[in-house]
């Protein structure tokens, strides 16, 4: 049976969807069968980040209404044969999406895949609540600013009350020069504040924005190494942190 992992955060714009698209690809390239599920019930964009917007014909609601099969609703990624996308909701009213129907679809997905990544919308409304009920694990994506930390702390409390475990952090858009200049919090301050294990660190990378716009997963080599390291950690491997290009910069930041 597949592991179901929700990717969430306390606030929007921290890079959840980008992470899901790139992490799903990295896991597929490591030999896993992966389904990424866009849980945003109205403002989907995971298909755009993956370059699959023109291939997306059906969604989960079409499965529920009998207009298509599960296999017809799954969209295969262009770069990896074992990576698939399922959108829960393209344009319909949110009231037509029912949890029990989604649960049945997820159980069927678990029979076909090794990992299911649930791309949660920002906030703690319906898409988040459904994801929390469907997932066993969580990755909380944060940035090194106090608003992100405070909002994520509230989300973590909700996840803990609902017995989601493990809950791990992914620290996104880390800029070592910003940390040195005290524009961003330090990694230690963030980890101390949230008291969770860190599954991965991703550095600021302008190429990722370009990759999102083009739907081709473009990124620099350091970002690629960071994503692969995160994927390997999720699979239980002990992987060190990829080194930033500036000599000893991480030691200066952390020490």
Protein backbone atom coordinates (compact mmCIF):
# COMPACT_ATOMS: atom_id res chain seq x y z
CA UNK A 1 0.00 0.00 0.00
CA UNK A 2 1.20 3.48 -0.85
CA UNK A 3 2.32 6.11 1.64
CA UNK A 4 0.13 9.23 1.47
CA UNK A 5 1.93 12.47 2.34
CA UNK A 6 0.31 15.88 2.50
CA UNK A 7 2.45 18.88 1.57
CA UNK A 8 1.14 21.87 3.46
CA UNK A 9 2.09 25.22 5.01
CA UNK A 10 0.75 27.98 7.19
CA UNK A 11 0.59 30.56 4.42
CA UNK A 12 0.41 30.72 0.66
CA UNK A 13 3.27 31.46 -1.70
CA UNK A 14 5.94 29.42 0.07
CA UNK A 15 6.45 26.98 -2.80
CA UNK A 16 4.29 23.94 -1.97
CA UNK A 17 3.15 23.25 -5.51
CA UNK A 18 6.64 23.69 -6.93
CA UNK A 19 7.95 21.27 -4.33
CA UNK A 20 5.27 18.68 -5.10
CA UNK A 21 5.99 18.82 -8.84
CA UNK A 22 9.75 18.51 -8.42
CA UNK A 23 9.68 16.03 -5.54
CA UNK A 24 7.27 13.78 -7.41
CA UNK A 25 9.63 13.75 -10.39
CA UNK A 26 12.66 13.02 -8.20
CA UNK A 27 10.90 10.08 -6.52
CA UNK A 28 9.82 8.70 -9.90
CA UNK A 29 13.39 8.90 -11.16
CA UNK A 30 14.42 6.89 -8.11
CA UNK A 31 12.20 4.07 -9.33
CA UNK A 32 8.99 4.76 -7.40
CA UNK A 33 5.47 4.90 -8.78
CA UNK A 34 4.17 8.31 -7.71
CA UNK A 35 0.81 10.04 -7.97
CA UNK A 36 0.63 13.75 -7.18
CA UNK A 37 -2.86 14.98 -6.32
CA UNK A 38 -3.88 18.62 -6.64
CA UNK A 39 -6.14 19.12 -3.62
CA UNK A 40 -6.89 22.77 -4.35
CA UNK A 41 -10.67 22.77 -4.77
CA UNK A 42 -10.93 25.66 -7.18
CA UNK A 43 -7.55 27.28 -7.88
CA UNK A 44 -5.53 24.37 -9.25
CA UNK A 45 -2.06 24.99 -10.70
CA UNK A 46 -0.07 21.81 -10.15
CA UNK A 47 -0.82 20.86 -13.77
CA UNK A 48 0.79 24.13 -14.91
CA UNK A 49 3.93 23.54 -12.83
CA UNK A 50 4.22 20.10 -14.44
CA UNK A 51 3.48 21.33 -17.96
CA UNK A 52 0.37 19.15 -18.17
CA UNK A 53 -2.39 21.77 -18.36
CA UNK A 54 -3.24 20.87 -21.97
CA UNK A 55 -3.53 17.18 -21.13
CA UNK A 56 -5.85 17.60 -18.15
CA UNK A 57 -9.32 16.54 -19.34
CA UNK A 58 -10.93 14.87 -16.34
CA UNK A 59 -10.76 15.35 -12.58
CA UNK A 60 -11.82 13.40 -9.50
CA UNK A 61 -15.35 14.72 -9.73
CA UNK A 62 -15.68 13.20 -13.20
CA UNK A 63 -14.72 9.85 -11.65
CA UNK A 64 -17.34 10.33 -8.93
CA UNK A 65 -20.03 11.14 -11.51
CA UNK A 66 -19.11 8.18 -13.72
CA UNK A 67 -17.95 10.28 -16.67
CA UNK A 68 -14.54 8.61 -16.74
CA UNK A 69 -12.52 5.86 -15.10
CA UNK A 70 -9.71 6.46 -12.64
CA UNK A 71 -7.17 5.55 -15.31
CA UNK A 72 -8.63 8.10 -17.72
CA UNK A 73 -8.38 10.86 -15.09
CA UNK A 74 -4.71 10.13 -14.36
CA UNK A 75 -2.32 12.20 -16.48
CA UNK A 76 1.13 10.72 -17.09
CA UNK A 77 4.09 13.08 -16.74
CA UNK A 78 6.05 13.75 -19.92
CA UNK A 79 9.44 13.18 -18.27
CA UNK A 80 8.87 10.10 -16.10
CA UNK A 81 6.74 7.09 -16.97
CA UNK A 82 5.94 6.34 -13.31
CA UNK A 83 4.73 9.84 -12.34
CA UNK A 84 1.03 10.71 -12.65
CA UNK A 85 -1.17 13.71 -11.83
CA UNK A 86 -4.74 13.66 -10.57
CA UNK A 87 -6.65 16.91 -10.18
CA UNK A 88 -9.48 16.83 -7.64
CA UNK A 89 -11.35 19.83 -8.97
CA UNK A 90 -10.95 21.87 -12.18
CA UNK A 91 -13.78 24.39 -12.18
CA UNK A 92 -16.81 22.98 -10.35
CA UNK A 93 -18.53 24.08 -7.17
CA UNK A 94 -16.70 23.01 -4.02
CA UNK A 95 -19.91 21.67 -2.53
CA UNK A 96 -19.94 18.82 -5.06
CA UNK A 97 -16.71 17.31 -3.71
CA UNK A 98 -17.47 14.86 -0.90
CA UNK A 99 -14.89 13.33 1.39
CA UNK A 100 -16.15 9.74 1.21
CA UNK A 101 -15.86 9.79 -2.59
CA UNK A 102 -12.32 11.13 -2.37
CA UNK A 103 -11.41 8.51 0.19
CA UNK A 104 -12.54 5.73 -2.13
CA UNK A 105 -10.46 7.17 -4.96
CA UNK A 106 -7.39 7.43 -2.72
CA UNK A 107 -7.78 3.80 -1.62
CA UNK A 108 -7.75 2.77 -5.27
CA UNK A 109 -4.67 4.91 -5.91
CA UNK A 110 -2.88 3.22 -3.02
CA UNK A 111 -3.20 -0.10 -4.84
CA UNK A 112 -1.35 1.29 -7.87
CA UNK A 113 1.34 3.60 -6.45
CA UNK A 114 4.19 3.62 -3.95
CA UNK A 115 3.73 7.24 -2.87
CA UNK A 116 0.85 9.71 -3.09
CA UNK A 117 1.70 13.39 -2.61
CA UNK A 118 -1.26 15.63 -1.72
CA UNK A 119 -0.69 19.25 -2.75
CA UNK A 120 -2.73 21.18 -0.16
CA UNK A 121 -4.09 24.67 -0.77
CA UNK A 122 -3.08 27.51 1.52
CA UNK A 123 -5.09 27.91 4.70
CA UNK A 124 -7.04 25.38 6.74
CA UNK A 125 -10.27 25.17 4.78
CA UNK A 126 -11.86 22.28 2.88
CA UNK A 127 -8.89 21.19 0.74
CA UNK A 128 -6.60 21.15 3.77
CA UNK A 129 -9.14 19.35 5.94
CA UNK A 130 -9.72 16.64 3.34
CA UNK A 131 -5.97 16.20 2.85
CA UNK A 132 -5.48 15.83 6.58
CA UNK A 133 -8.10 13.08 6.71
CA UNK A 134 -6.56 11.26 3.74
CA UNK A 135 -2.86 11.47 4.66
CA UNK A 136 -0.74 9.63 7.20
CA UNK A 137 2.32 11.91 7.00
CA UNK A 138 2.97 15.60 6.39
CA UNK A 139 5.67 17.86 5.02
CA UNK A 140 5.32 21.47 6.16
CA UNK A 141 6.94 23.94 3.78
CA UNK A 142 8.25 27.09 5.42
CA UNK A 143 10.29 30.14 4.58
CA UNK A 144 12.60 31.88 7.01
CA UNK A 145 10.27 34.70 8.01
CA UNK A 146 8.26 35.09 11.18
CA UNK A 147 4.84 35.08 9.46
CA UNK A 148 5.57 31.74 7.84
CA UNK A 149 6.82 30.28 11.12
CA UNK A 150 3.87 31.49 13.17
CA UNK A 151 1.24 30.33 10.69
CA UNK A 152 2.95 26.97 10.26
CA UNK A 153 3.06 26.53 14.02
CA UNK A 154 -0.73 26.78 14.08
CA UNK A 155 -1.04 24.25 11.26
CA UNK A 156 1.30 21.84 13.06
CA UNK A 157 -0.93 22.01 16.12
CA UNK A 158 -3.93 20.98 14.01
CA UNK A 159 -1.97 18.12 12.42
CA UNK A 160 -0.82 16.85 15.81
CA UNK A 161 -4.36 16.88 17.15
CA UNK A 162 -5.39 14.75 14.18
CA UNK A 163 -2.53 12.29 14.80
CA UNK A 164 -0.64 12.95 11.56
CA UNK A 165 2.87 11.49 11.96
CA UNK A 166 5.57 12.04 11.13
CA UNK A 167 5.43 15.78 10.46
CA UNK A 168 8.64 17.15 8.99
CA UNK A 169 9.81 20.51 7.72
CA UNK A 170 11.09 21.58 4.32
CA UNK A 171 12.79 24.97 4.49
CA UNK A 172 12.38 26.69 1.13
CA UNK A 173 14.05 29.66 -0.58
CA UNK A 174 16.96 29.81 1.82
CA UNK A 175 19.30 32.70 0.94
CA UNK A 176 22.56 32.49 2.93
CA UNK A 177 23.42 36.14 2.32
CA UNK A 178 20.00 37.19 3.66
CA UNK A 179 20.60 35.13 6.77
CA UNK A 180 23.99 36.75 7.33
CA UNK A 181 22.40 40.19 6.92
CA UNK A 182 19.57 39.17 9.31
CA UNK A 183 16.95 39.65 6.59
CA UNK A 184 15.91 36.03 7.12
CA UNK A 185 15.80 34.01 10.33
CA UNK A 186 18.56 31.46 10.80
CA UNK A 187 17.90 27.77 10.23
CA UNK A 188 18.46 27.11 13.92
CA UNK A 189 15.92 29.76 14.94
CA UNK A 190 13.31 28.23 12.64
CA UNK A 191 13.95 24.69 13.84
CA UNK A 192 13.93 25.75 17.49
CA UNK A 193 10.67 27.64 17.01
CA UNK A 194 8.81 24.74 15.37
CA UNK A 195 10.55 21.84 17.14
CA UNK A 196 10.31 19.45 14.22
CA UNK A 197 12.80 17.45 12.22
CA UNK A 198 13.97 19.00 8.97
CA UNK A 199 13.57 16.74 5.92
CA UNK A 200 15.20 19.12 3.48
CA UNK A 201 16.50 22.59 2.63
CA UNK A 202 16.00 24.29 -0.73
CA UNK A 203 17.92 27.41 -1.72
CA UNK A 204 16.68 30.49 -3.54
CA UNK A 205 16.76 29.67 -7.26
CA UNK A 206 15.38 32.05 -9.93
CA UNK A 207 15.48 29.23 -12.49
CA UNK A 208 12.71 27.42 -10.59
CA UNK A 209 10.30 30.31 -11.30
CA UNK A 210 11.19 30.01 -14.97
CA UNK A 211 10.65 26.27 -14.78
CA UNK A 212 7.18 26.79 -13.27
CA UNK A 213 6.20 29.19 -16.04
CA UNK A 214 7.41 26.79 -18.72
CA UNK A 215 6.29 23.62 -16.92
CA UNK A 216 9.64 21.93 -17.52
CA UNK A 217 11.07 21.64 -13.99
CA UNK A 218 14.08 23.81 -14.79
CA UNK A 219 16.41 24.48 -11.84
CA UNK A 220 20.09 24.87 -11.06
CA UNK A 221 22.30 21.92 -10.08
CA UNK A 222 22.25 22.72 -6.36
CA UNK A 223 18.44 22.75 -6.36
CA UNK A 224 18.40 19.42 -8.18
CA UNK A 225 20.72 17.94 -5.57
CA UNK A 226 18.56 19.31 -2.73
CA UNK A 227 15.36 17.86 -4.21
CA UNK A 228 17.00 14.48 -4.76
CA UNK A 229 18.38 14.50 -1.21
CA UNK A 230 14.87 15.22 0.13
CA UNK A 231 13.43 12.40 -1.97
CA UNK A 232 16.05 9.96 -0.70
CA UNK A 233 15.39 10.99 2.93
CA UNK A 234 11.69 10.29 2.45
CA UNK A 235 12.66 6.83 1.27
CA UNK A 236 14.64 6.24 4.45
CA UNK A 237 18.16 6.90 3.19
CA UNK A 238 20.68 8.88 5.22
CA UNK A 239 21.67 11.72 2.94
CA UNK A 240 23.75 14.77 3.83
CA UNK A 241 22.94 18.36 2.97
CA UNK A 242 24.23 19.45 -0.48
CA UNK A 243 26.91 22.09 -0.06
CA UNK A 244 26.25 25.70 -1.00
CA UNK A 245 28.74 27.02 -3.56
CA UNK A 246 30.30 29.52 -1.14
CA UNK A 247 32.90 27.74 1.00
CA UNK A 248 31.85 27.12 4.60
CA UNK A 249 28.81 29.43 4.28
CA UNK A 250 26.49 26.91 5.96
CA UNK A 251 28.87 26.49 8.87
CA UNK A 252 28.89 30.27 9.32
CA UNK A 253 25.10 30.44 9.22
CA UNK A 254 24.54 27.57 11.61
CA UNK A 255 27.40 28.26 13.96
